[in-house]
Amino acid sequence: MNARETAWRLFAGELNSSSASVKGNEEMSPTYVVTRLGAMVNRVMVAGVLTEKENIGSEDEPLWRGRVQDVGGSFFINVGKFQPEAASAIAELEVPAFVAIVGKVKTYTADDGRVFVSVRPETIVQVQEDVRRQWILSAARSLWDRLIRMKKAIAVNSTSEKDLTAAGFAPEEAKGIDLALNRYGMPDSSPYVKTIQDALRMLLPGSVIDFGFPEDVGGSPDEIEMDPEQSSADRQDMEDTILRIITELDTDGRGAPRDEVERRAEAEGISATELEEISDILMDNGMVYEPDLKRLKRIDY
């Protein structure tokens, strides 16, 4: 492990939307994935729910793949024989489980040109929910700081690395922002602000937190009239109903069939659109996961 490299706290949405990478100038320099907000990421520290794991190697030489769910997306992890500590840890874990992972970021370019990002864990540790909550808060603060810094950078007449450094940005920060703007163009702040909103809603479930991105608004929040107390109560009732339906339909331990959940939900006055929204909320909150695309399963701790 290179202790000089920062283990970034960032959400899966920002990491997975990255496609640019750059290698340091010195010999044996690490390779960085550059996010749309200018973070130059070599290592990450993530925390979430390990919802899937699979050994696609052999018993003698295991190669583990897994999915770790955070506030609004999933990190994809690969653990092989060169990460013996992490490989031993993931082999012992029962899915689902709260985990904290420190690892290096890797990219893979498919034949069609698409770039996929994954994490190669150095360590995997099972944790309690409070550790996950602390990570969410740290990642949200870090994301907010990058949004503010990007806004300040764009306000500089020239966003070149040299001019950003002259304007007071640290050299590596200036380099990352310069690379991001040249590779991706001007970033859209909306998905990042919504991620922060979702993070705060998870951390403060009894509070009404609305940055203009309620789940059912789409692109027109100003056209929605909301009674926050009533909508919060209605949503909680629907969450409880969906959780009950999933539990009742999970008769074989493999999860509840989605089509059956949809049929039962509709019979209780919950539309297919509302079911999709509530399912997303439950998955974001670590209460439900998808064993496969056709099933929903409740997470019990």
Protein backbone atom coordinates (compact mmCIF):
# COMPACT_ATOMS: atom_id res chain seq x y z
CA MET A 1 0.00 0.00 0.00
CA ASN A 2 1.30 3.46 -0.91
CA ALA A 3 0.57 5.55 2.18
CA ARG A 4 1.14 8.73 0.23
CA GLU A 5 -2.00 8.16 -1.84
CA THR A 6 -5.25 9.52 -0.44
CA ALA A 7 -8.02 6.99 0.13
CA TRP A 8 -10.86 9.10 -1.27
CA ARG A 9 -14.33 8.98 0.26
CA LEU A 10 -16.67 9.34 -2.69
CA PHE A 11 -19.98 7.86 -3.76
CA ALA A 12 -20.31 5.19 -6.43
CA GLY A 13 -22.17 7.52 -8.78
CA GLU A 14 -19.21 9.86 -9.15
CA LEU A 15 -16.69 7.03 -9.48
CA ASN A 16 -18.69 4.96 -11.96
CA SER A 17 -19.32 7.92 -14.29
CA SER A 18 -15.55 8.41 -14.71
CA SER A 19 -13.76 7.35 -17.88
CA ALA A 20 -10.57 9.44 -17.92
CA SER A 21 -7.33 8.25 -16.40
CA VAL A 22 -3.82 9.68 -16.15
CA LYS A 23 -0.45 8.32 -15.04
CA GLY A 24 1.99 10.33 -12.96
CA ASN A 25 5.09 11.81 -14.57
CA GLU A 26 7.67 9.91 -12.53
CA GLU A 27 8.80 6.33 -13.11
CA MET A 28 6.57 3.82 -11.26
CA SER A 29 4.02 6.58 -10.68
CA PRO A 30 0.47 5.40 -9.93
CA THR A 31 -2.41 5.72 -12.38
CA TYR A 32 -5.32 7.93 -11.40
CA VAL A 33 -8.96 7.84 -12.44
CA VAL A 34 -10.16 11.42 -12.93
CA THR A 35 -13.76 12.08 -11.90
CA ARG A 36 -16.03 14.69 -13.46
CA LEU A 37 -15.45 16.93 -10.43
CA GLY A 38 -11.68 16.75 -10.76
CA ALA A 39 -10.76 14.20 -8.09
CA MET A 40 -7.63 12.25 -9.09
CA VAL A 41 -8.37 8.89 -7.51
CA ASN A 42 -5.91 6.06 -7.03
CA ARG A 43 -7.33 4.58 -3.83
CA VAL A 44 -10.74 4.75 -2.15
CA MET A 45 -12.26 3.97 1.20
CA VAL A 46 -15.89 2.89 0.78
CA ALA A 47 -18.54 1.58 3.12
CA GLY A 48 -21.89 0.04 2.30
CA VAL A 49 -23.85 -3.19 2.04
CA LEU A 50 -22.12 -6.14 0.41
CA THR A 51 -25.13 -7.46 -1.50
CA GLU A 52 -23.46 -9.97 -3.83
CA LYS A 53 -20.31 -12.06 -3.95
CA GLU A 54 -19.25 -14.82 -6.34
CA ASN A 55 -16.10 -16.88 -6.73
CA ILE A 56 -15.54 -17.05 -10.50
CA GLY A 57 -12.14 -18.71 -10.02
CA SER A 58 -11.39 -22.04 -8.41
CA GLU A 59 -11.15 -23.28 -4.85
CA ASP A 60 -7.35 -23.28 -5.09
CA GLU A 61 -7.15 -19.90 -6.81
CA PRO A 62 -10.32 -17.98 -5.94
CA LEU A 63 -11.28 -14.86 -7.85
CA TRP A 64 -14.04 -13.03 -6.09
CA ARG A 65 -16.41 -10.52 -7.60
CA GLY A 66 -18.79 -8.51 -5.48
CA ARG A 67 -21.18 -5.58 -5.33
CA VAL A 68 -21.23 -3.02 -2.50
CA GLN A 69 -24.27 -0.75 -2.41
CA ASP A 70 -24.02 2.84 -1.19
CA VAL A 71 -26.50 5.74 -1.14
CA GLY A 72 -27.32 5.84 -4.83
CA GLY A 73 -25.28 3.20 -6.62
CA SER A 74 -22.95 0.24 -6.35
CA PHE A 75 -19.20 -0.26 -6.21
CA PHE A 76 -17.97 -3.34 -8.06
CA ILE A 77 -15.06 -5.17 -6.47
CA ASN A 78 -12.59 -7.79 -7.70
CA VAL A 79 -10.42 -9.77 -5.27
CA GLY A 80 -7.77 -12.23 -6.41
CA LYS A 81 -4.73 -14.10 -5.14
CA PHE A 82 -2.64 -10.94 -5.00
CA GLN A 83 -4.96 -9.55 -2.29
CA PRO A 84 -4.77 -12.48 0.18
CA GLU A 85 -6.08 -10.53 3.18
CA ALA A 86 -9.11 -9.24 1.31
CA ALA A 87 -9.71 -12.62 -0.36
CA SER A 88 -9.73 -14.37 3.00
CA ALA A 89 -12.13 -11.77 4.44
CA ILE A 90 -14.67 -11.89 1.62
CA ALA A 91 -14.68 -15.69 1.66
CA GLU A 92 -15.86 -15.61 5.29
CA LEU A 93 -18.55 -12.97 4.85
CA GLU A 94 -22.22 -13.83 4.68
CA VAL A 95 -24.25 -11.69 2.26
CA PRO A 96 -25.72 -9.18 3.04
CA ALA A 97 -23.27 -7.46 5.38
CA PHE A 98 -22.10 -3.95 6.21
CA VAL A 99 -18.48 -3.66 5.07
CA ALA A 100 -15.72 -1.08 4.87
CA ILE A 101 -13.21 -1.46 2.06
CA VAL A 102 -9.91 0.22 1.24
CA GLY A 103 -8.61 -0.50 -2.22
CA LYS A 104 -7.23 0.69 -5.52
CA VAL A 105 -9.38 1.86 -8.40
CA LYS A 106 -9.07 0.07 -11.72
CA THR A 107 -10.60 0.73 -15.14
CA TYR A 108 -11.50 -1.66 -17.94
CA THR A 109 -12.32 -0.60 -21.52
CA ALA A 110 -14.76 -2.88 -23.32
CA ASP A 111 -14.61 -3.64 -27.04
CA ASP A 112 -17.32 -1.04 -27.68
CA GLY A 113 -15.26 1.67 -25.98
CA ARG A 114 -17.19 1.86 -22.74
CA VAL A 115 -15.10 2.28 -19.61
CA PHE A 116 -15.97 0.36 -16.45
CA VAL A 117 -14.55 1.20 -13.03
CA SER A 118 -13.99 -1.29 -10.21
CA VAL A 119 -12.23 -1.42 -6.86
CA ARG A 120 -9.50 -3.94 -6.05
CA PRO A 121 -9.70 -4.21 -2.24
CA GLU A 122 -6.59 -4.24 -0.08
CA THR A 123 -8.70 -4.79 3.05
CA ILE A 124 -12.33 -5.74 3.67
CA VAL A 125 -13.75 -5.47 7.17
CA GLN A 126 -17.27 -6.20 8.37
CA VAL A 127 -18.57 -3.18 10.30
CA GLN A 128 -21.58 -1.95 12.19
CA GLU A 129 -24.14 0.40 10.68
CA ASP A 130 -22.74 3.40 12.57
CA VAL A 131 -19.46 3.08 10.63
CA ARG A 132 -21.40 3.14 7.39
CA ARG A 133 -23.25 6.26 8.55
CA GLN A 134 -19.98 8.00 9.42
CA TRP A 135 -18.67 7.16 5.95
CA ILE A 136 -21.81 8.55 4.30
CA LEU A 137 -21.36 11.83 6.18
CA SER A 138 -17.67 12.01 5.26
CA ALA A 139 -18.37 11.23 1.59
CA ALA A 140 -21.16 13.83 1.46
CA ARG A 141 -18.88 16.51 2.93
CA SER A 142 -16.15 15.60 0.46
CA LEU A 143 -18.57 15.74 -2.46
CA TRP A 144 -19.93 19.12 -1.38
CA ASP A 145 -16.39 20.47 -1.11
CA ARG A 146 -15.58 19.31 -4.65
CA LEU A 147 -18.72 20.96 -5.99
CA ILE A 148 -17.76 24.27 -4.36
CA ARG A 149 -14.16 24.03 -5.58
CA MET A 150 -15.27 23.24 -9.13
CA LYS A 151 -17.61 26.25 -9.06
CA LYS A 152 -14.74 28.49 -7.95
CA ALA A 153 -12.48 27.03 -10.63
CA ILE A 154 -15.02 27.71 -13.37
CA ALA A 155 -15.23 31.32 -12.17
CA VAL A 156 -11.52 31.76 -12.97
CA ASN A 157 -11.14 33.36 -16.41
CA SER A 158 -8.85 30.53 -17.49
CA THR A 159 -9.25 27.00 -16.14
CA SER A 160 -5.79 25.82 -17.17
CA GLU A 161 -3.73 24.03 -14.55
CA LYS A 162 -1.22 26.91 -14.46
CA ASP A 163 -3.85 29.62 -13.99
CA LEU A 164 -5.77 27.64 -11.39
CA THR A 165 -2.58 27.18 -9.38
CA ALA A 166 -1.95 30.92 -9.63
CA ALA A 167 -5.50 31.48 -8.37
CA GLY A 168 -4.77 29.55 -5.18
CA PHE A 169 -5.65 25.96 -6.03
CA ALA A 170 -3.23 23.23 -4.91
CA PRO A 171 -1.21 21.85 -7.86
CA GLU A 172 -2.79 18.37 -7.87
CA GLU A 173 -6.28 19.85 -7.42
CA ALA A 174 -5.66 22.26 -10.32
CA LYS A 175 -4.41 19.40 -12.49
CA GLY A 176 -7.48 17.26 -11.73
CA ILE A 177 -9.92 20.07 -12.48
CA ASP A 178 -8.10 20.97 -15.70
CA LEU A 179 -8.18 17.33 -16.82
CA ALA A 180 -11.85 16.93 -15.88
CA LEU A 181 -13.00 20.05 -17.74
CA ASN A 182 -11.03 19.09 -20.85
CA ARG A 183 -12.20 15.46 -20.80
CA TYR A 184 -15.83 15.83 -19.74
CA GLY A 185 -16.72 19.50 -20.23
CA MET A 186 -18.78 21.54 -17.79
CA PRO A 187 -20.21 19.24 -15.08
CA ASP A 188 -23.92 19.04 -14.27
CA SER A 189 -24.23 19.54 -10.53
CA SER A 190 -27.78 18.11 -10.30
CA PRO A 191 -26.93 14.41 -9.77
CA TYR A 192 -24.34 15.29 -7.12
CA VAL A 193 -26.67 17.59 -5.21
CA LYS A 194 -29.36 14.90 -5.32
CA THR A 195 -26.84 12.37 -3.96
CA ILE A 196 -26.13 14.68 -1.03
CA GLN A 197 -29.88 15.07 -0.48
CA ASP A 198 -30.33 11.28 -0.47
CA ALA A 199 -27.39 10.89 1.91
CA LEU A 200 -28.87 13.36 4.40
CA ARG A 201 -32.27 11.69 4.14
CA MET A 202 -30.65 8.40 5.05
CA LEU A 203 -28.76 9.94 7.97
CA LEU A 204 -31.76 11.94 9.25
CA PRO A 205 -34.81 9.79 8.47
CA GLY A 206 -37.12 11.82 10.73
CA SER A 207 -36.34 15.12 9.03
CA VAL A 208 -37.80 16.72 5.91
CA ILE A 209 -34.83 17.33 3.61
CA ASP A 210 -35.68 18.71 0.17
CA PHE A 211 -33.11 20.29 -2.15
CA GLY A 212 -35.63 20.31 -4.98
CA PHE A 213 -35.13 16.65 -5.89
CA PRO A 214 -38.04 14.68 -4.33
CA GLU A 215 -38.25 11.17 -5.73
CA ASP A 216 -41.32 11.74 -7.90
CA VAL A 217 -40.48 15.15 -9.34
CA GLY A 218 -38.32 14.39 -12.36
CA GLY A 219 -37.11 17.64 -13.87
CA SER A 220 -39.88 19.97 -12.67
CA PRO A 221 -39.71 20.44 -8.90
CA ASP A 222 -41.29 23.90 -9.03
CA GLU A 223 -44.55 22.46 -10.37
CA ILE A 224 -45.07 20.15 -7.39
CA GLU A 225 -47.09 21.20 -4.38
CA MET A 226 -46.00 19.21 -1.38
CA ASP A 227 -47.21 18.73 2.16
CA PRO A 228 -43.92 17.48 3.67
CA GLU A 229 -45.47 15.87 6.74
CA GLN A 230 -48.19 14.12 4.77
CA SER A 231 -45.87 12.92 1.99
CA SER A 232 -43.37 11.61 4.53
CA ALA A 233 -46.09 9.68 6.36
CA ASP A 234 -47.50 8.27 3.12
CA ARG A 235 -44.04 7.19 1.99
CA GLN A 236 -43.39 5.46 5.30
CA ASP A 237 -46.68 3.58 5.02
CA MET A 238 -45.78 2.43 1.52
CA GLU A 239 -42.29 1.38 2.63
CA ASP A 240 -43.78 -0.69 5.45
CA THR A 241 -46.27 -2.27 3.03
CA ILE A 242 -43.60 -3.18 0.47
CA LEU A 243 -41.36 -4.64 3.16
CA ARG A 244 -44.25 -6.78 4.41
CA ILE A 245 -45.09 -7.96 0.88
CA ILE A 246 -41.47 -8.87 0.14
CA THR A 247 -41.23 -10.81 3.39
CA GLU A 248 -44.47 -12.71 2.74
CA LEU A 249 -43.53 -13.61 -0.84
CA ASP A 250 -40.00 -14.77 0.02
CA THR A 251 -41.08 -18.34 0.67
CA ASP A 252 -37.90 -20.13 -0.42
CA GLY A 253 -35.22 -17.75 0.89
CA ARG A 254 -34.25 -16.67 -2.64
CA GLY A 255 -36.20 -13.42 -2.55
CA ALA A 256 -39.64 -12.25 -3.62
CA PRO A 257 -40.45 -12.36 -7.38
CA ARG A 258 -40.75 -8.79 -8.67
CA ASP A 259 -43.85 -9.48 -10.73
CA GLU A 260 -45.62 -10.91 -7.68
CA VAL A 261 -44.53 -7.95 -5.55
CA GLU A 262 -45.92 -5.61 -8.21
CA ARG A 263 -49.23 -7.50 -8.35
CA ARG A 264 -49.65 -7.48 -4.56
CA ALA A 265 -48.60 -3.83 -4.31
CA GLU A 266 -51.15 -2.79 -6.95
CA ALA A 267 -53.87 -4.64 -5.03
CA GLU A 268 -52.99 -2.46 -2.02
CA GLY A 269 -53.13 0.78 -4.00
CA ILE A 270 -49.43 1.19 -4.83
CA SER A 271 -48.74 1.79 -8.50
CA ALA A 272 -45.85 0.26 -10.43
CA THR A 273 -44.13 3.66 -10.54
CA GLU A 274 -44.52 4.12 -6.79
CA LEU A 275 -43.25 0.57 -6.21
CA GLU A 276 -40.10 1.33 -8.24
CA GLU A 277 -39.48 4.54 -6.28
CA ILE A 278 -40.05 2.88 -2.90
CA SER A 279 -37.86 -0.09 -3.88
CA ASP A 280 -35.04 2.32 -4.74
CA ILE A 281 -35.43 4.05 -1.36
CA LEU A 282 -35.37 0.72 0.50
CA MET A 283 -32.26 -0.39 -1.40
CA ASP A 284 -30.55 2.95 -0.78
CA ASN A 285 -31.31 2.57 2.94
CA GLY A 286 -29.81 -0.92 3.03
CA MET A 287 -33.14 -2.60 3.83
CA VAL A 288 -33.65 -4.48 0.55
CA TYR A 289 -31.35 -5.79 -2.18
CA GLU A 290 -31.64 -7.56 -5.52
CA PRO A 291 -30.34 -11.15 -5.54
CA ASP A 292 -31.00 -10.92 -9.29
CA LEU A 293 -32.97 -8.65 -11.61
CA LYS A 294 -36.21 -10.57 -11.05
CA ARG A 295 -36.24 -10.69 -7.25
CA LEU A 296 -36.21 -8.43 -4.19
CA LYS A 297 -34.99 -9.67 -0.83
CA ARG A 298 -35.25 -8.08 2.59
CA ILE A 299 -32.04 -7.49 4.57
CA ASP A 300 -32.34 -8.50 8.21
CA TYR A 301 -29.59 -7.71 10.71
